[in-house]
C-alpha atoms as a PDB file:
ATOM      1  CA  MET A   1     103.162-290.043  45.561  1.00  0.00           C
ATOM      2  CA  PRO A   2     103.356-291.856  49.008  1.00  0.00           C
ATOM      3  CA  PHE A   3     105.825-290.977  51.686  1.00  0.00           C
ATOM      4  CA  ILE A   4     106.755-293.942  53.969  1.00  0.00           C
ATOM      5  CA  ASN A   5     108.589-293.767  57.350  1.00  0.00           C
ATOM      6  CA  ASN A   6     109.711-297.215  58.085  1.00  0.00           C
ATOM      7  CA  ALA A   7     109.939-298.587  61.629  1.00  0.00           C
ATOM      8  CA  ALA A   8     113.748-297.672  61.970  1.00  0.00           C
ATOM      9  CA  GLY A   9     113.076-294.198  60.570  1.00  0.00           C
ATOM     10  CA  VAL A  10     113.155-291.040  62.533  1.00  0.00           C
ATOM     11  CA  ILE A  11     112.099-287.805  61.199  1.00  0.00           C
ATOM     12  CA  ASN A  12     112.944-284.551  63.110  1.00  0.00           C
ATOM     13  CA  ILE A  13     111.368-281.307  62.036  1.00  0.00           C
ATOM     14  CA  ASP A  14     112.108-278.061  63.995  1.00  0.00           C
ATOM     15  CA  ASN A  15     112.405-274.372  63.528  1.00  0.00           C
ATOM     16  CA  THR A  16     109.988-273.921  60.528  1.00  0.00           C
ATOM     17  CA  VAL A  17     108.315-270.693  59.472  1.00  0.00           C
ATOM     18  CA  GLU A  18     105.284-272.430  58.145  1.00  0.00           C
ATOM     19  CA  ASP A  19     103.895-275.928  58.564  1.00  0.00           C
ATOM     20  CA  GLY A  20     106.138-278.754  59.928  1.00  0.00           C
ATOM     21  CA  PHE A  21     104.682-281.461  57.512  1.00  0.00           C
ATOM     22  CA  SER A  22     102.293-280.514  54.840  1.00  0.00           C
ATOM     23  CA  MET A  23     100.538-283.257  52.733  1.00  0.00           C
ATOM     24  CA  ARG A  24      98.807-282.459  49.456  1.00  0.00           C
ATOM     25  CA  THR A  25      97.297-285.398  47.555  1.00  0.00           C
ATOM     26  CA  SER A  26      99.775-287.764  49.048  1.00  0.00           C
ATOM     27  CA  LEU A  27      99.829-290.673  51.666  1.00  0.00           C
ATOM     28  CA  LEU A  28     101.953-290.436  54.847  1.00  0.00           C
ATOM     29  CA  THR A  29     102.468-293.961  56.241  1.00  0.00           C
ATOM     30  CA  ASN A  30     104.259-294.050  59.545  1.00  0.00           C
ATOM     31  CA  ASP A  31     105.857-296.975  61.239  1.00  0.00           C
ATOM     32  CA  GLY A  32     108.818-295.124  62.874  1.00  0.00           C
ATOM     33  CA  ASN A  33     109.070-291.912  64.781  1.00  0.00           C
ATOM     34  CA  ILE A  34     107.867-288.487  63.595  1.00  0.00           C
ATOM     35  CA  LEU A  35     109.035-285.726  65.990  1.00  0.00           C
ATOM     36  CA  ILE A  36     107.827-282.162  65.174  1.00  0.00           C
ATOM     37  CA  GLY A  37     108.666-279.114  67.294  1.00  0.00           C
ATOM     38  CA  GLN A  38     110.757-280.964  69.932  1.00  0.00           C
ATOM     39  CA  ASN A  39     113.844-278.836  69.635  1.00  0.00           C
ATOM     40  CA  GLY A  40     112.450-275.591  68.011  1.00  0.00           C
ATOM     41  CA  PRO A  41     109.056-273.936  67.118  1.00  0.00           C
ATOM     42  CA  ILE A  42     106.840-274.704  64.191  1.00  0.00           C
ATOM     43  CA  GLY A  43     105.483-271.578  62.638  1.00  0.00           C
ATOM     44  CA  TYR A  44     102.026-272.866  61.744  1.00  0.00           C
ATOM     45  CA  VAL A  45     100.638-276.477  61.854  1.00  0.00           C
ATOM     46  CA  GLY A  46     102.478-279.598  62.902  1.00  0.00           C
ATOM     47  CA  ILE A  47     100.919-281.703  60.299  1.00  0.00           C
ATOM     48  CA  GLU A  48      98.530-280.138  57.743  1.00  0.00           C
ATOM     49  CA  ASN A  49      96.696-282.753  55.676  1.00  0.00           C
ATOM     50  CA  ARG A  50      95.234-281.385  52.387  1.00  0.00           C
ATOM     51  CA  GLU A  51      93.772-283.995  50.204  1.00  0.00           C
ATOM     52  CA  GLY A  52      96.150-286.613  51.557  1.00  0.00           C
ATOM     53  CA  MET A  53      95.910-289.458  54.114  1.00  0.00           C
ATOM     54  CA  LEU A  54      97.675-290.022  57.365  1.00  0.00           C
ATOM     55  CA  GLN A  55      98.163-293.587  58.251  1.00  0.00           C
ATOM     56  CA  ASN A  56     100.062-294.065  61.687  1.00  0.00           C
ATOM     57  CA  ASN A  57     100.546-297.847  62.029  1.00  0.00           C
ATOM     58  CA  PHE A  58     100.923-299.835  65.226  1.00  0.00           C
ATOM     59  CA  GLY A  59     104.438-298.955  66.609  1.00  0.00           C
ATOM     60  CA  GLY A  60     104.346-295.576  64.831  1.00  0.00           C
ATOM     61  CA  ILE A  61     104.906-292.521  67.042  1.00  0.00           C
ATOM     62  CA  ILE A  62     104.057-288.986  66.112  1.00  0.00           C
ATOM     63  CA  LYS A  63     104.958-286.190  68.690  1.00  0.00           C
ATOM     64  CA  ILE A  64     104.121-282.626  67.929  1.00  0.00           C
ATOM     65  CA  ASP A  65     104.927-279.673  70.288  1.00  0.00           C
ATOM     66  CA  ASN A  66     105.528-275.959  70.006  1.00  0.00           C
ATOM     67  CA  THR A  67     103.095-275.054  67.190  1.00  0.00           C
ATOM     68  CA  GLY A  68     101.845-271.559  66.273  1.00  0.00           C
ATOM     69  CA  LEU A  69      98.597-273.087  65.162  1.00  0.00           C
ATOM     70  CA  GLN A  70      97.028-276.633  65.247  1.00  0.00           C
ATOM     71  CA  GLY A  71      98.991-279.887  66.057  1.00  0.00           C
ATOM     72  CA  ILE A  72      97.117-281.614  63.328  1.00  0.00           C
ATOM     73  CA  TRP A  73      94.779-280.174  60.778  1.00  0.00           C
ATOM     74  CA  LEU A  74      92.789-282.794  58.735  1.00  0.00           C
ATOM     75  CA  ARG A  75      91.400-280.643  55.752  1.00  0.00           C
ATOM     76  CA  THR A  76      89.976-283.280  53.366  1.00  0.00           C
ATOM     77  CA  SER A  77      87.094-285.729  53.049  1.00  0.00           C
ATOM     78  CA  ILE A  78      89.534-288.802  53.491  1.00  0.00           C
ATOM     79  CA  ASN A  79      89.383-290.997  56.723  1.00  0.00           C
ATOM     80  CA  ASN A  80      92.680-290.920  58.493  1.00  0.00           C
ATOM     81  CA  ASN A  81      93.877-293.976  60.598  1.00  0.00           C
ATOM     82  CA  ASN A  82      95.823-294.062  63.936  1.00  0.00           C
ATOM     83  CA  SER A  83      96.980-297.380  65.244  1.00  0.00           C
ATOM     84  CA  GLY A  84      99.991-296.192  66.954  1.00  0.00           C
ATOM     85  CA  THR A  85     100.793-293.272  69.399  1.00  0.00           C
ATOM     86  CA  ILE A  86      99.986-289.563  68.762  1.00  0.00           C
ATOM     87  CA  SER A  87     101.180-287.207  71.585  1.00  0.00           C
ATOM     88  CA  ILE A  88     100.313-283.418  71.010  1.00  0.00           C
ATOM     89  CA  GLY A  89     101.393-280.593  73.379  1.00  0.00           C
ATOM     90  CA  ALA A  90     103.128-282.885  76.065  1.00  0.00           C
ATOM     91  CA  THR A  91     106.318-280.795  76.266  1.00  0.00           C
ATOM     92  CA  GLY A  92     105.523-277.558  74.283  1.00  0.00           C
ATOM     93  CA  ALA A  93     102.489-275.373  73.747  1.00  0.00           C
ATOM     94  CA  ILE A  94     100.047-275.859  70.946  1.00  0.00           C
ATOM     95  CA  ALA A  95      98.518-272.492  70.009  1.00  0.00           C
ATOM     96  CA  GLN A  96      95.248-273.669  68.796  1.00  0.00           C
ATOM     97  CA  GLN A  97      93.388-276.917  68.526  1.00  0.00           C
ATOM     98  CA  GLY A  98      95.248-280.257  69.229  1.00  0.00           C
ATOM     99  CA  ILE A  99      93.598-281.859  66.119  1.00  0.00           C
ATOM    100  CA  GLU A 100      91.179-279.822  63.818  1.00  0.00           C
ATOM    101  CA  ILE A 101      88.939-281.827  61.581  1.00  0.00           C
ATOM    102  CA  THR A 102      87.239-279.916  58.828  1.00  0.00           C
ATOM    103  CA  TYR A 103      85.647-280.460  55.375  1.00  0.00           C
ATOM    104  CA  ASN A 104      84.106-283.944  56.244  1.00  0.00           C
ATOM    105  CA  SER A 105      87.524-285.381  57.152  1.00  0.00           C
ATOM    106  CA  SER A 106      87.680-288.024  59.918  1.00  0.00           C
ATOM    107  CA  ILE A 107      90.091-290.094  61.890  1.00  0.00           C
ATOM    108  CA  THR A 108      89.683-293.715  63.121  1.00  0.00           C
ATOM    109  CA  ASN A 109      91.655-294.282  66.324  1.00  0.00           C
ATOM    110  CA  ASN A 110      92.773-297.871  67.340  1.00  0.00           C
ATOM    111  CA  GLY A 111      95.723-296.561  69.084  1.00  0.00           C
ATOM    112  CA  SER A 112      96.525-293.805  71.606  1.00  0.00           C
ATOM    113  CA  ILE A 113      95.913-290.090  71.179  1.00  0.00           C
ATOM    114  CA  SER A 114      97.114-287.735  73.983  1.00  0.00           C
ATOM    115  CA  ILE A 115      96.386-284.143  73.704  1.00  0.00           C
ATOM    116  CA  CYS A 116      97.544-281.484  76.358  1.00  0.00           C
ATOM    117  CA  LEU A 117      96.793-278.065  75.623  1.00  0.00           C
ATOM    118  CA  LEU A 118      97.810-275.179  78.053  1.00  0.00           C
ATOM    119  CA  TYR A 119      95.922-271.959  77.960  1.00  0.00           C
ATOM    120  CA  THR A 120      96.639-268.701  79.427  1.00  0.00           C
ATOM    121  CA  SER A 121      93.896-266.105  79.766  1.00  0.00           C
ATOM    122  CA  ASP A 122      93.966-262.316  79.773  1.00  0.00           C
ATOM    123  CA  ALA A 123      91.521-259.663  78.998  1.00  0.00           C
ATOM    124  CA  ALA A 124      92.366-259.519  75.297  1.00  0.00           C
ATOM    125  CA  ASP A 125      92.047-263.440  75.059  1.00  0.00           C
ATOM    126  CA  GLU A 126      88.887-264.045  77.233  1.00  0.00           C
ATOM    127  CA  GLU A 127      86.954-265.479  74.460  1.00  0.00           C
ATOM    128  CA  ASP A 128      89.452-268.568  74.215  1.00  0.00           C
ATOM    129  CA  SER A 129      89.700-269.049  77.950  1.00  0.00           C
ATOM    130  CA  VAL A 130      88.780-272.364  79.509  1.00  0.00           C
END
């Protein structure tokens, strides 16, 4: 079943224990604003896509911050499309990858994707230091 966020639509997702938005066998079409982790932490992934498709259209804005894992995790063999704006980690830390693409998934970008990852390094985390 598709989920459509129209141009005037605003979705705010904050303070979750697990994922902010998790798609399973569905289509997310965004023409409005999806704001994840702007006012509170996301326990795991900002947007997790399992067997679904993410379509962020021209004028669509997705902002993801303050995640415990990835900003976006694409876990299917479906092509995802961005013609709008995706901002990850601009105002709050993303604990792992900005966008992780696995299982032959892909993303076609005809818009803007901005990823800002801030890392801290200590002896226990040296493997991940930049």
